[in-house]
Amino acid sequence: MSNDVQKLNEMVTAFDGLKKELSKAIVGQDAVIEQLVIAMLSRGHALLVGVPGLAKTLLIKSLAEVLDLSFSRIQFTPDLMPSDITGTDIIEEDHTTGKREFRFVKGPVFANIVLADEINRTPPKTQAALLEAMQEHRVTAGVESYVLEEPFFVLATQNPIEQEGTYPLPEAQLDRFMFNLRVEYPSRDEERQIVGQTTSGATVELEKVLDRQAIMDYQDLIRRVPVADNVIDYAVDLVGKTRPDEDVAPDFIKKWVGWGAGPRASQYLILGAKTRAAMNGNPTPSIEDVQAVALPVLRHRVLTNFNAEADGVSVDEIIKKLL
């Protein structure tokens, strides 16, 4: 147990170092950075939604740089095939024997951090290939299965303003993402700083803060963090109240919500709360930690109906009202 306490203190120091290092390349976005790290240490995946030019791709690339992990970027396009992501079999000839055999060439999904840029730009068949890897942490090609190296973490980006020529992710596939993160516009001071930094020609060198083994140790540590019964009850009750058919659901949920969140939301609320508590040096999560991760966990799992649209009520407003 004393070893766990020591690890917890190390984790707090590592997270502070990580934020400090990322701030060299990224201005602001503290909440998004914290939530990305929470998702990674919880062994979850994250979807970043924001208009173009908000440094979503730069943020993910910088995160991969400060973590000593392999990184690949997949730019999703309408002509992308599943094998472009997972890899493909090629025929190779042995020049000494003249014998031909198939060899599997690994695709870009074989990395610790995979950036799926504009995931809604590609057809469902290709989206499904990535989502299988996210769920199973393995890739199937023909009759062979290939296990992906841990830690494995998918960060997908989406542009919310363009819907033409896109293939929106179905709800069941959105559910594979632990967090749905909104990347907002910077404040005026932050924007001045961004403009100053990016137009001066200065280059930023980022130092490695965490390696692969340390991240896996912290992921194991999170699982061992104890949770009080009342915190679990709060998370389960909160998710139960998002379901319009349940007796405990408030009237506004019954009016505005078509479908509520499933049990995976309760699991992610507790995992996210555990990770947030540990990153702040607390040995066990509180209800406040559950509330802090509720928006990114629930916003893509609560589906609003026509009444909400008619009343101009967003899913974020409904969740905040519920909290």
C-alpha atoms as a PDB file:
ATOM      1  CA  MET A   1       0.000   0.000   0.000  1.00  0.00           C
ATOM      2  CA  SER A   2       2.855   2.408   0.863  1.00  0.00           C
ATOM      3  CA  ASN A   3       4.214   1.672  -2.610  1.00  0.00           C
ATOM      4  CA  ASP A   4       0.885   2.835  -4.093  1.00  0.00           C
ATOM      5  CA  VAL A   5       1.062   6.084  -2.096  1.00  0.00           C
ATOM      6  CA  GLN A   6       4.569   6.694  -3.443  1.00  0.00           C
ATOM      7  CA  LYS A   7       3.341   5.953  -6.996  1.00  0.00           C
ATOM      8  CA  LEU A   8       0.433   8.371  -6.446  1.00  0.00           C
ATOM      9  CA  ASN A   9       2.867  11.159  -5.494  1.00  0.00           C
ATOM     10  CA  GLU A  10       5.021  10.345  -8.531  1.00  0.00           C
ATOM     11  CA  MET A  11       1.923  10.569 -10.734  1.00  0.00           C
ATOM     12  CA  VAL A  12       1.030  14.047  -9.422  1.00  0.00           C
ATOM     13  CA  THR A  13       4.593  15.258 -10.174  1.00  0.00           C
ATOM     14  CA  ALA A  14       4.531  13.626 -13.627  1.00  0.00           C
ATOM     15  CA  PHE A  15       1.187  15.268 -14.500  1.00  0.00           C
ATOM     16  CA  ASP A  16       2.498  18.706 -13.439  1.00  0.00           C
ATOM     17  CA  GLY A  17       5.597  18.153 -15.591  1.00  0.00           C
ATOM     18  CA  LEU A  18       3.418  17.088 -18.506  1.00  0.00           C
ATOM     19  CA  LYS A  19       1.256  20.240 -18.320  1.00  0.00           C
ATOM     20  CA  LYS A  20       4.352  22.439 -18.030  1.00  0.00           C
ATOM     21  CA  GLU A  21       5.961  20.807 -21.074  1.00  0.00           C
ATOM     22  CA  LEU A  22       2.789  20.990 -23.187  1.00  0.00           C
ATOM     23  CA  SER A  23       2.321  24.679 -22.336  1.00  0.00           C
ATOM     24  CA  LYS A  24       5.487  25.386 -24.396  1.00  0.00           C
ATOM     25  CA  ALA A  25       3.563  24.382 -27.550  1.00  0.00           C
ATOM     26  CA  ILE A  26      -0.094  24.782 -26.550  1.00  0.00           C
ATOM     27  CA  VAL A  27      -1.605  27.986 -25.185  1.00  0.00           C
ATOM     28  CA  GLY A  28      -4.555  27.462 -22.794  1.00  0.00           C
ATOM     29  CA  GLN A  29      -6.733  24.341 -23.270  1.00  0.00           C
ATOM     30  CA  ASP A  30      -5.918  23.215 -19.681  1.00  0.00           C
ATOM     31  CA  ALA A  31      -9.257  21.428 -19.225  1.00  0.00           C
ATOM     32  CA  VAL A  32      -8.891  19.533 -22.529  1.00  0.00           C
ATOM     33  CA  ILE A  33      -5.303  18.490 -21.654  1.00  0.00           C
ATOM     34  CA  GLU A  34      -6.424  17.232 -18.235  1.00  0.00           C
ATOM     35  CA  GLN A  35      -9.310  15.271 -19.760  1.00  0.00           C
ATOM     36  CA  LEU A  36      -7.064  13.732 -22.458  1.00  0.00           C
ATOM     37  CA  VAL A  37      -4.669  12.478 -19.763  1.00  0.00           C
ATOM     38  CA  ILE A  38      -7.608  11.171 -17.682  1.00  0.00           C
ATOM     39  CA  ALA A  39      -8.871   9.197 -20.700  1.00  0.00           C
ATOM     40  CA  MET A  40      -5.428   7.763 -21.419  1.00  0.00           C
ATOM     41  CA  LEU A  41      -4.772   6.675 -17.822  1.00  0.00           C
ATOM     42  CA  SER A  42      -8.284   5.159 -17.673  1.00  0.00           C
ATOM     43  CA  ARG A  43      -7.473   3.121 -20.826  1.00  0.00           C
ATOM     44  CA  GLY A  44     -10.180   5.017 -22.702  1.00  0.00           C
ATOM     45  CA  HIS A  45     -10.313   6.819 -26.060  1.00  0.00           C
ATOM     46  CA  ALA A  46     -11.321  10.414 -26.716  1.00  0.00           C
ATOM     47  CA  LEU A  47     -13.175  12.302 -29.445  1.00  0.00           C
ATOM     48  CA  LEU A  48     -12.258  15.988 -29.868  1.00  0.00           C
ATOM     49  CA  VAL A  49     -14.901  18.174 -31.466  1.00  0.00           C
ATOM     50  CA  GLY A  50     -14.071  21.720 -32.523  1.00  0.00           C
ATOM     51  CA  VAL A  51     -13.972  24.060 -35.501  1.00  0.00           C
ATOM     52  CA  PRO A  52     -10.809  24.069 -37.696  1.00  0.00           C
ATOM     53  CA  GLY A  53      -7.746  25.968 -36.479  1.00  0.00           C
ATOM     54  CA  LEU A  54      -8.088  25.319 -32.734  1.00  0.00           C
ATOM     55  CA  ALA A  55      -4.849  23.251 -32.599  1.00  0.00           C
ATOM     56  CA  LYS A  56      -6.604  19.900 -32.014  1.00  0.00           C
ATOM     57  CA  THR A  57      -4.049  18.058 -34.172  1.00  0.00           C
ATOM     58  CA  LEU A  58      -1.111  20.017 -32.701  1.00  0.00           C
ATOM     59  CA  LEU A  59      -2.306  19.207 -29.174  1.00  0.00           C
ATOM     60  CA  ILE A  60      -2.406  15.455 -29.879  1.00  0.00           C
ATOM     61  CA  LYS A  61       0.969  15.480 -31.680  1.00  0.00           C
ATOM     62  CA  SER A  62       2.529  17.431 -28.778  1.00  0.00           C
ATOM     63  CA  LEU A  63       1.049  14.975 -26.260  1.00  0.00           C
ATOM     64  CA  ALA A  64       2.623  12.072 -28.177  1.00  0.00           C
ATOM     65  CA  GLU A  65       5.948  13.935 -28.164  1.00  0.00           C
ATOM     66  CA  VAL A  66       6.100  14.464 -24.390  1.00  0.00           C
ATOM     67  CA  LEU A  67       5.091  10.835 -23.817  1.00  0.00           C
ATOM     68  CA  ASP A  68       7.754   8.450 -25.074  1.00  0.00           C
ATOM     69  CA  LEU A  69       5.231   6.570 -27.242  1.00  0.00           C
ATOM     70  CA  SER A  70       4.921   5.642 -30.911  1.00  0.00           C
ATOM     71  CA  PHE A  71       2.511   7.907 -32.779  1.00  0.00           C
ATOM     72  CA  SER A  72       0.691   7.753 -36.107  1.00  0.00           C
ATOM     73  CA  ARG A  73      -1.769  10.037 -37.822  1.00  0.00           C
ATOM     74  CA  ILE A  74      -4.512   8.841 -40.166  1.00  0.00           C
ATOM     75  CA  GLN A  75      -6.196  11.500 -42.291  1.00  0.00           C
ATOM     76  CA  PHE A  76      -9.685  10.150 -42.927  1.00  0.00           C
ATOM     77  CA  THR A  77     -11.004  10.629 -46.470  1.00  0.00           C
ATOM     78  CA  PRO A  78     -14.009   9.191 -48.379  1.00  0.00           C
ATOM     79  CA  ASP A  79     -11.751   6.809 -50.374  1.00  0.00           C
ATOM     80  CA  LEU A  80      -9.918   5.353 -47.337  1.00  0.00           C
ATOM     81  CA  MET A  81     -10.187   1.544 -47.139  1.00  0.00           C
ATOM     82  CA  PRO A  82     -10.143  -0.587 -43.945  1.00  0.00           C
ATOM     83  CA  SER A  83      -6.809  -2.137 -45.012  1.00  0.00           C
ATOM     84  CA  ASP A  84      -5.300   1.393 -45.230  1.00  0.00           C
ATOM     85  CA  ILE A  85      -5.730   1.530 -41.439  1.00  0.00           C
ATOM     86  CA  THR A  86      -5.151  -2.025 -40.268  1.00  0.00           C
ATOM     87  CA  GLY A  87      -2.560  -3.169 -42.804  1.00  0.00           C
ATOM     88  CA  THR A  88      -2.569  -5.634 -45.689  1.00  0.00           C
ATOM     89  CA  ASP A  89      -1.094  -8.956 -46.856  1.00  0.00           C
ATOM     90  CA  ILE A  90       1.479  -8.705 -49.651  1.00  0.00           C
ATOM     91  CA  ILE A  91       3.049 -11.534 -51.688  1.00  0.00           C
ATOM     92  CA  GLU A  92       6.786 -11.805 -51.178  1.00  0.00           C
ATOM     93  CA  GLU A  93       9.166 -14.008 -53.163  1.00  0.00           C
ATOM     94  CA  ASP A  94      12.171 -15.691 -51.589  1.00  0.00           C
ATOM     95  CA  HIS A  95      14.893 -15.165 -54.231  1.00  0.00           C
ATOM     96  CA  THR A  96      16.967 -18.191 -53.136  1.00  0.00           C
ATOM     97  CA  THR A  97      14.135 -20.758 -53.275  1.00  0.00           C
ATOM     98  CA  GLY A  98      11.725 -18.943 -55.612  1.00  0.00           C
ATOM     99  CA  LYS A  99       8.948 -19.683 -53.100  1.00  0.00           C
ATOM    100  CA  ARG A 100       6.196 -17.090 -52.703  1.00  0.00           C
ATOM    101  CA  GLU A 101       4.351 -16.424 -49.477  1.00  0.00           C
ATOM    102  CA  PHE A 102       2.075 -13.814 -47.924  1.00  0.00           C
ATOM    103  CA  ARG A 103       3.508 -11.314 -45.438  1.00  0.00           C
ATOM    104  CA  PHE A 104       1.377  -8.962 -43.346  1.00  0.00           C
ATOM    105  CA  VAL A 105       2.451  -5.308 -43.510  1.00  0.00           C
ATOM    106  CA  LYS A 106       1.168  -3.447 -40.454  1.00  0.00           C
ATOM    107  CA  GLY A 107      -0.943  -0.317 -40.968  1.00  0.00           C
ATOM    108  CA  PRO A 108      -0.842   2.974 -39.036  1.00  0.00           C
ATOM    109  CA  VAL A 109      -3.174   1.614 -36.309  1.00  0.00           C
ATOM    110  CA  PHE A 110      -0.121  -0.241 -34.901  1.00  0.00           C
ATOM    111  CA  ALA A 111       1.025   2.655 -32.703  1.00  0.00           C
ATOM    112  CA  ASN A 112       0.538   3.627 -29.050  1.00  0.00           C
ATOM    113  CA  ILE A 113      -1.240   6.884 -29.896  1.00  0.00           C
ATOM    114  CA  VAL A 114      -3.349   6.983 -33.059  1.00  0.00           C
ATOM    115  CA  LEU A 115      -4.710  10.314 -34.267  1.00  0.00           C
ATOM    116  CA  ALA A 116      -7.825   9.710 -36.373  1.00  0.00           C
ATOM    117  CA  ASP A 117      -8.195  13.086 -38.060  1.00  0.00           C
ATOM    118  CA  GLU A 118     -11.758  13.968 -39.162  1.00  0.00           C
ATOM    119  CA  ILE A 119     -13.103  10.483 -38.448  1.00  0.00           C
ATOM    120  CA  ASN A 120     -16.533  11.438 -39.856  1.00  0.00           C
ATOM    121  CA  ARG A 121     -15.054  11.945 -43.348  1.00  0.00           C
ATOM    122  CA  THR A 122     -14.788   8.222 -44.090  1.00  0.00           C
ATOM    123  CA  PRO A 123     -17.459   5.564 -44.847  1.00  0.00           C
ATOM    124  CA  PRO A 124     -18.822   3.288 -42.059  1.00  0.00           C
ATOM    125  CA  LYS A 125     -16.825   0.241 -43.226  1.00  0.00           C
ATOM    126  CA  THR A 126     -13.534   2.043 -42.598  1.00  0.00           C
ATOM    127  CA  GLN A 127     -14.752   3.631 -39.346  1.00  0.00           C
ATOM    128  CA  ALA A 128     -15.696   0.127 -38.154  1.00  0.00           C
ATOM    129  CA  ALA A 129     -12.151  -1.181 -38.803  1.00  0.00           C
ATOM    130  CA  LEU A 130     -10.704   1.424 -36.445  1.00  0.00           C
ATOM    131  CA  LEU A 131     -13.481   0.952 -33.888  1.00  0.00           C
ATOM    132  CA  GLU A 132     -12.843  -2.813 -33.758  1.00  0.00           C
ATOM    133  CA  ALA A 133      -9.198  -2.096 -32.930  1.00  0.00           C
ATOM    134  CA  MET A 134     -10.316   0.386 -30.232  1.00  0.00           C
ATOM    135  CA  GLN A 135     -12.621  -2.139 -28.589  1.00  0.00           C
ATOM    136  CA  GLU A 136     -10.611  -5.347 -28.921  1.00  0.00           C
ATOM    137  CA  HIS A 137      -7.036  -3.923 -28.956  1.00  0.00           C
ATOM    138  CA  ARG A 138      -6.379  -6.327 -31.822  1.00  0.00           C
ATOM    139  CA  VAL A 139      -6.596  -6.386 -35.616  1.00  0.00           C
ATOM    140  CA  THR A 140      -7.954  -9.279 -37.669  1.00  0.00           C
ATOM    141  CA  ALA A 141      -6.568  -9.717 -41.193  1.00  0.00           C
ATOM    142  CA  GLY A 142      -7.789 -12.816 -43.020  1.00  0.00           C
ATOM    143  CA  VAL A 143      -7.567 -15.668 -40.493  1.00  0.00           C
ATOM    144  CA  GLU A 144      -4.796 -14.085 -38.419  1.00  0.00           C
ATOM    145  CA  SER A 145      -5.221 -11.837 -35.363  1.00  0.00           C
ATOM    146  CA  TYR A 146      -2.552  -9.307 -34.372  1.00  0.00           C
ATOM    147  CA  VAL A 147      -2.485  -7.861 -30.849  1.00  0.00           C
ATOM    148  CA  LEU A 148      -1.813  -4.118 -30.574  1.00  0.00           C
ATOM    149  CA  GLU A 149       0.971  -2.964 -28.260  1.00  0.00           C
ATOM    150  CA  GLU A 150      -0.151  -1.389 -24.974  1.00  0.00           C
ATOM    151  CA  PRO A 151      -0.841   1.355 -24.111  1.00  0.00           C
ATOM    152  CA  PHE A 152      -3.182   1.876 -27.072  1.00  0.00           C
ATOM    153  CA  PHE A 153      -5.041   5.145 -27.236  1.00  0.00           C
ATOM    154  CA  VAL A 154      -7.165   6.554 -30.102  1.00  0.00           C
ATOM    155  CA  LEU A 155      -7.814  10.285 -30.337  1.00  0.00           C
ATOM    156  CA  ALA A 156     -10.285  11.193 -33.054  1.00  0.00           C
ATOM    157  CA  THR A 157     -11.163  14.694 -34.239  1.00  0.00           C
ATOM    158  CA  GLN A 158     -14.390  15.970 -35.767  1.00  0.00           C
ATOM    159  CA  ASN A 159     -15.412  19.280 -37.282  1.00  0.00           C
ATOM    160  CA  PRO A 160     -18.941  20.114 -36.020  1.00  0.00           C
ATOM    161  CA  ILE A 161     -19.852  22.766 -38.597  1.00  0.00           C
ATOM    162  CA  GLU A 162     -19.561  20.870 -41.889  1.00  0.00           C
ATOM    163  CA  GLN A 163     -22.057  18.081 -42.413  1.00  0.00           C
ATOM    164  CA  GLU A 164     -21.874  17.817 -46.207  1.00  0.00           C
ATOM    165  CA  GLY A 165     -19.961  14.762 -47.409  1.00  0.00           C
ATOM    166  CA  THR A 166     -19.575  13.359 -43.886  1.00  0.00           C
ATOM    167  CA  TYR A 167     -20.553  10.022 -42.384  1.00  0.00           C
ATOM    168  CA  PRO A 168     -21.663  10.722 -38.791  1.00  0.00           C
ATOM    169  CA  LEU A 169     -20.574   8.035 -36.324  1.00  0.00           C
ATOM    170  CA  PRO A 170     -23.511   5.847 -35.231  1.00  0.00           C
ATOM    171  CA  GLU A 171     -24.436   6.016 -31.531  1.00  0.00           C
ATOM    172  CA  ALA A 172     -23.140   2.490 -30.833  1.00  0.00           C
ATOM    173  CA  GLN A 173     -19.739   3.491 -32.219  1.00  0.00           C
ATOM    174  CA  LEU A 174     -19.679   6.836 -30.392  1.00  0.00           C
ATOM    175  CA  ASP A 175     -20.176   4.819 -27.183  1.00  0.00           C
ATOM    176  CA  ARG A 176     -16.661   3.341 -27.640  1.00  0.00           C
ATOM    177  CA  PHE A 177     -15.200   6.766 -26.840  1.00  0.00           C
ATOM    178  CA  MET A 178     -14.812   7.417 -23.141  1.00  0.00           C
ATOM    179  CA  PHE A 179     -14.890  11.207 -23.569  1.00  0.00           C
ATOM    180  CA  ASN A 180     -16.398  13.612 -26.079  1.00  0.00           C
ATOM    181  CA  LEU A 181     -14.321  16.789 -25.604  1.00  0.00           C
ATOM    182  CA  ARG A 182     -15.347  20.204 -26.884  1.00  0.00           C
ATOM    183  CA  VAL A 183     -12.410  22.341 -27.940  1.00  0.00           C
ATOM    184  CA  GLU A 184     -13.488  25.978 -27.499  1.00  0.00           C
ATOM    185  CA  TYR A 185     -12.144  29.242 -28.933  1.00  0.00           C
ATOM    186  CA  PRO A 186      -9.229  30.777 -26.974  1.00  0.00           C
ATOM    187  CA  SER A 187      -9.691  33.929 -24.881  1.00  0.00           C
ATOM    188  CA  ARG A 188      -8.384  37.238 -26.303  1.00  0.00           C
ATOM    189  CA  ASP A 189      -5.156  37.083 -24.242  1.00  0.00           C
ATOM    190  CA  GLU A 190      -4.567  33.463 -25.264  1.00  0.00           C
ATOM    191  CA  GLU A 191      -5.138  34.327 -28.918  1.00  0.00           C
ATOM    192  CA  ARG A 192      -2.605  37.194 -28.700  1.00  0.00           C
ATOM    193  CA  GLN A 193      -0.083  34.741 -27.219  1.00  0.00           C
ATOM    194  CA  ILE A 194      -0.830  32.165 -29.973  1.00  0.00           C
ATOM    195  CA  VAL A 195      -0.338  34.760 -32.705  1.00  0.00           C
ATOM    196  CA  GLY A 196       2.900  35.987 -31.101  1.00  0.00           C
ATOM    197  CA  GLN A 197       4.305  32.454 -30.759  1.00  0.00           C
ATOM    198  CA  THR A 198       3.333  31.102 -34.172  1.00  0.00           C
ATOM    199  CA  THR A 199       4.409  34.058 -36.309  1.00  0.00           C
ATOM    200  CA  SER A 200       7.882  34.601 -34.819  1.00  0.00           C
ATOM    201  CA  GLY A 201       9.742  31.679 -36.422  1.00  0.00           C
ATOM    202  CA  ALA A 202      10.840  30.309 -33.012  1.00  0.00           C
ATOM    203  CA  THR A 203      10.844  26.514 -32.727  1.00  0.00           C
ATOM    204  CA  VAL A 204       9.764  24.607 -29.629  1.00  0.00           C
ATOM    205  CA  GLU A 205      11.642  21.539 -28.390  1.00  0.00           C
ATOM    206  CA  LEU A 206       9.523  19.309 -26.167  1.00  0.00           C
ATOM    207  CA  GLU A 207      11.154  17.025 -23.581  1.00  0.00           C
ATOM    208  CA  LYS A 208       9.934  13.483 -22.866  1.00  0.00           C
ATOM    209  CA  VAL A 209       8.118  13.340 -19.521  1.00  0.00           C
ATOM    210  CA  LEU A 210       6.711   9.791 -19.309  1.00  0.00           C
ATOM    211  CA  ASP A 211       7.631   6.486 -20.911  1.00  0.00           C
ATOM    212  CA  ARG A 212       5.503   3.504 -21.906  1.00  0.00           C
ATOM    213  CA  GLN A 213       6.135   1.463 -18.735  1.00  0.00           C
ATOM    214  CA  ALA A 214       5.324   4.373 -16.391  1.00  0.00           C
ATOM    215  CA  ILE A 215       1.997   4.984 -18.181  1.00  0.00           C
ATOM    216  CA  MET A 216       1.065   1.285 -17.887  1.00  0.00           C
ATOM    217  CA  ASP A 217       2.007   1.309 -14.178  1.00  0.00           C
ATOM    218  CA  TYR A 218      -0.221   4.358 -13.614  1.00  0.00           C
ATOM    219  CA  GLN A 219      -3.078   2.675 -15.519  1.00  0.00           C
ATOM    220  CA  ASP A 220      -2.778  -0.321 -13.158  1.00  0.00           C
ATOM    221  CA  LEU A 221      -2.606   2.012 -10.152  1.00  0.00           C
ATOM    222  CA  ILE A 222      -5.889   3.714 -11.172  1.00  0.00           C
ATOM    223  CA  ARG A 223      -7.661   0.335 -11.125  1.00  0.00           C
ATOM    224  CA  ARG A 224      -6.507  -0.188  -7.518  1.00  0.00           C
ATOM    225  CA  VAL A 225      -7.836   3.174  -6.277  1.00  0.00           C
ATOM    226  CA  PRO A 226     -10.687   2.412  -3.821  1.00  0.00           C
ATOM    227  CA  VAL A 227     -14.103   4.050  -4.304  1.00  0.00           C
ATOM    228  CA  ALA A 228     -16.684   4.677  -1.566  1.00  0.00           C
ATOM    229  CA  ASP A 229     -20.139   3.119  -2.029  1.00  0.00           C
ATOM    230  CA  ASN A 230     -21.871   6.522  -1.957  1.00  0.00           C
ATOM    231  CA  VAL A 231     -19.735   7.721  -4.912  1.00  0.00           C
ATOM    232  CA  ILE A 232     -20.649   4.617  -6.962  1.00  0.00           C
ATOM    233  CA  ASP A 233     -24.330   5.126  -5.988  1.00  0.00           C
ATOM    234  CA  TYR A 234     -24.138   8.762  -7.127  1.00  0.00           C
ATOM    235  CA  ALA A 235     -22.646   7.801 -10.546  1.00  0.00           C
ATOM    236  CA  VAL A 236     -25.193   5.001 -11.130  1.00  0.00           C
ATOM    237  CA  ASP A 237     -28.128   7.208 -10.044  1.00  0.00           C
ATOM    238  CA  LEU A 238     -26.911  10.078 -12.248  1.00  0.00           C
ATOM    239  CA  VAL A 239     -26.806   7.798 -15.312  1.00  0.00           C
ATOM    240  CA  GLY A 240     -30.195   6.288 -14.367  1.00  0.00           C
ATOM    241  CA  LYS A 241     -31.745   9.779 -14.344  1.00  0.00           C
ATOM    242  CA  THR A 242     -30.723  10.312 -17.998  1.00  0.00           C
ATOM    243  CA  ARG A 243     -33.103   7.502 -19.086  1.00  0.00           C
ATOM    244  CA  PRO A 244     -36.580   8.909 -19.835  1.00  0.00           C
ATOM    245  CA  ASP A 245     -38.313   5.555 -19.163  1.00  0.00           C
ATOM    246  CA  GLU A 246     -36.998   5.305 -15.583  1.00  0.00           C
ATOM    247  CA  ASP A 247     -39.192   6.431 -12.671  1.00  0.00           C
ATOM    248  CA  VAL A 248     -36.287   8.437 -11.176  1.00  0.00           C
ATOM    249  CA  ALA A 249     -35.904  10.549 -14.344  1.00  0.00           C
ATOM    250  CA  PRO A 250     -36.881  14.225 -13.795  1.00  0.00           C
ATOM    251  CA  ASP A 251     -39.699  15.700 -15.919  1.00  0.00           C
ATOM    252  CA  PHE A 252     -37.314  17.705 -18.131  1.00  0.00           C
ATOM    253  CA  ILE A 253     -35.476  14.473 -19.061  1.00  0.00           C
ATOM    254  CA  LYS A 254     -38.773  12.826 -20.042  1.00  0.00           C
ATOM    255  CA  LYS A 255     -39.601  15.911 -22.113  1.00  0.00           C
ATOM    256  CA  TRP A 256     -36.275  16.487 -23.900  1.00  0.00           C
ATOM    257  CA  VAL A 257     -34.426  13.141 -24.020  1.00  0.00           C
ATOM    258  CA  GLY A 258     -35.120  10.324 -26.483  1.00  0.00           C
ATOM    259  CA  TRP A 259     -32.498   7.859 -25.218  1.00  0.00           C
ATOM    260  CA  GLY A 260     -30.410   7.927 -22.029  1.00  0.00           C
ATOM    261  CA  ALA A 261     -26.904   6.651 -21.313  1.00  0.00           C
ATOM    262  CA  GLY A 262     -26.063   2.940 -20.874  1.00  0.00           C
ATOM    263  CA  PRO A 263     -24.007   1.168 -18.169  1.00  0.00           C
ATOM    264  CA  ARG A 264     -20.735   2.051 -19.918  1.00  0.00           C
ATOM    265  CA  ALA A 265     -21.360   5.662 -18.846  1.00  0.00           C
ATOM    266  CA  SER A 266     -21.441   4.608 -15.152  1.00  0.00           C
ATOM    267  CA  GLN A 267     -18.176   2.683 -15.599  1.00  0.00           C
ATOM    268  CA  TYR A 268     -16.459   5.644 -17.261  1.00  0.00           C
ATOM    269  CA  LEU A 269     -17.761   8.112 -14.650  1.00  0.00           C
ATOM    270  CA  ILE A 270     -16.104   6.056 -11.896  1.00  0.00           C
ATOM    271  CA  LEU A 271     -12.886   5.417 -13.867  1.00  0.00           C
ATOM    272  CA  GLY A 272     -12.645   9.113 -14.789  1.00  0.00           C
ATOM    273  CA  ALA A 273     -13.305  10.162 -11.170  1.00  0.00           C
ATOM    274  CA  LYS A 274     -10.635   7.739  -9.884  1.00  0.00           C
ATOM    275  CA  THR A 275      -8.070   9.084 -12.370  1.00  0.00           C
ATOM    276  CA  ARG A 276      -8.893  12.728 -11.660  1.00  0.00           C
ATOM    277  CA  ALA A 277      -8.580  12.131  -7.900  1.00  0.00           C
ATOM    278  CA  ALA A 278      -5.245  10.316  -8.320  1.00  0.00           C
ATOM    279  CA  MET A 279      -3.861  13.059 -10.597  1.00  0.00           C
ATOM    280  CA  ASN A 280      -4.691  15.604  -7.892  1.00  0.00           C
ATOM    281  CA  GLY A 281      -3.036  13.469  -5.204  1.00  0.00           C
ATOM    282  CA  ASN A 282      -6.254  12.265  -3.535  1.00  0.00           C
ATOM    283  CA  PRO A 283      -6.343   8.601  -2.453  1.00  0.00           C
ATOM    284  CA  THR A 284     -10.045   8.152  -3.281  1.00  0.00           C
ATOM    285  CA  PRO A 285     -12.521   9.987  -5.573  1.00  0.00           C
ATOM    286  CA  SER A 286     -15.329  12.219  -4.330  1.00  0.00           C
ATOM    287  CA  ILE A 287     -18.731  13.074  -5.828  1.00  0.00           C
ATOM    288  CA  GLU A 288     -17.105  16.292  -7.096  1.00  0.00           C
ATOM    289  CA  ASP A 289     -14.699  14.175  -9.219  1.00  0.00           C
ATOM    290  CA  VAL A 290     -17.685  12.355 -10.765  1.00  0.00           C
ATOM    291  CA  GLN A 291     -19.352  15.697 -11.545  1.00  0.00           C
ATOM    292  CA  ALA A 292     -16.131  17.008 -13.123  1.00  0.00           C
ATOM    293  CA  VAL A 293     -16.092  14.216 -15.741  1.00  0.00           C
ATOM    294  CA  ALA A 294     -19.892  13.989 -16.232  1.00  0.00           C
ATOM    295  CA  LEU A 295     -20.124  16.337 -19.240  1.00  0.00           C
ATOM    296  CA  PRO A 296     -17.495  14.651 -21.465  1.00  0.00           C
ATOM    297  CA  VAL A 297     -18.774  11.173 -20.479  1.00  0.00           C
ATOM    298  CA  LEU A 298     -22.487  11.868 -21.018  1.00  0.00           C
ATOM    299  CA  ARG A 299     -22.746  14.395 -23.872  1.00  0.00           C
ATOM    300  CA  HIS A 300     -22.449  11.762 -26.640  1.00  0.00           C
ATOM    301  CA  ARG A 301     -24.529   9.167 -24.779  1.00  0.00           C
ATOM    302  CA  VAL A 302     -27.653  11.243 -24.093  1.00  0.00           C
ATOM    303  CA  LEU A 303     -29.739  11.676 -27.248  1.00  0.00           C
ATOM    304  CA  THR A 304     -32.136  14.611 -27.350  1.00  0.00           C
ATOM    305  CA  ASN A 305     -35.517  14.463 -29.095  1.00  0.00           C
ATOM    306  CA  PHE A 306     -37.536  16.849 -31.260  1.00  0.00           C
ATOM    307  CA  ASN A 307     -38.893  18.756 -28.213  1.00  0.00           C
ATOM    308  CA  ALA A 308     -35.352  19.736 -27.164  1.00  0.00           C
ATOM    309  CA  GLU A 309     -34.620  20.931 -30.696  1.00  0.00           C
ATOM    310  CA  ALA A 310     -37.863  22.929 -30.793  1.00  0.00           C
ATOM    311  CA  ASP A 311     -37.071  24.507 -27.405  1.00  0.00           C
ATOM    312  CA  GLY A 312     -33.464  25.239 -28.466  1.00  0.00           C
ATOM    313  CA  VAL A 313     -32.024  23.164 -25.602  1.00  0.00           C
ATOM    314  CA  SER A 314     -28.595  21.545 -26.068  1.00  0.00           C
ATOM    315  CA  VAL A 315     -27.442  18.259 -24.552  1.00  0.00           C
ATOM    316  CA  ASP A 316     -24.842  20.133 -22.456  1.00  0.00           C
ATOM    317  CA  GLU A 317     -27.572  22.298 -20.918  1.00  0.00           C
ATOM    318  CA  ILE A 318     -29.623  19.181 -20.060  1.00  0.00           C
ATOM    319  CA  ILE A 319     -26.641  17.503 -18.331  1.00  0.00           C
ATOM    320  CA  LYS A 320     -25.770  20.682 -16.394  1.00  0.00           C
ATOM    321  CA  LYS A 321     -29.403  20.942 -15.271  1.00  0.00           C
ATOM    322  CA  LEU A 322     -29.261  17.309 -14.148  1.00  0.00           C
ATOM    323  CA  LEU A 323     -26.058  17.946 -12.163  1.00  0.00           C
END
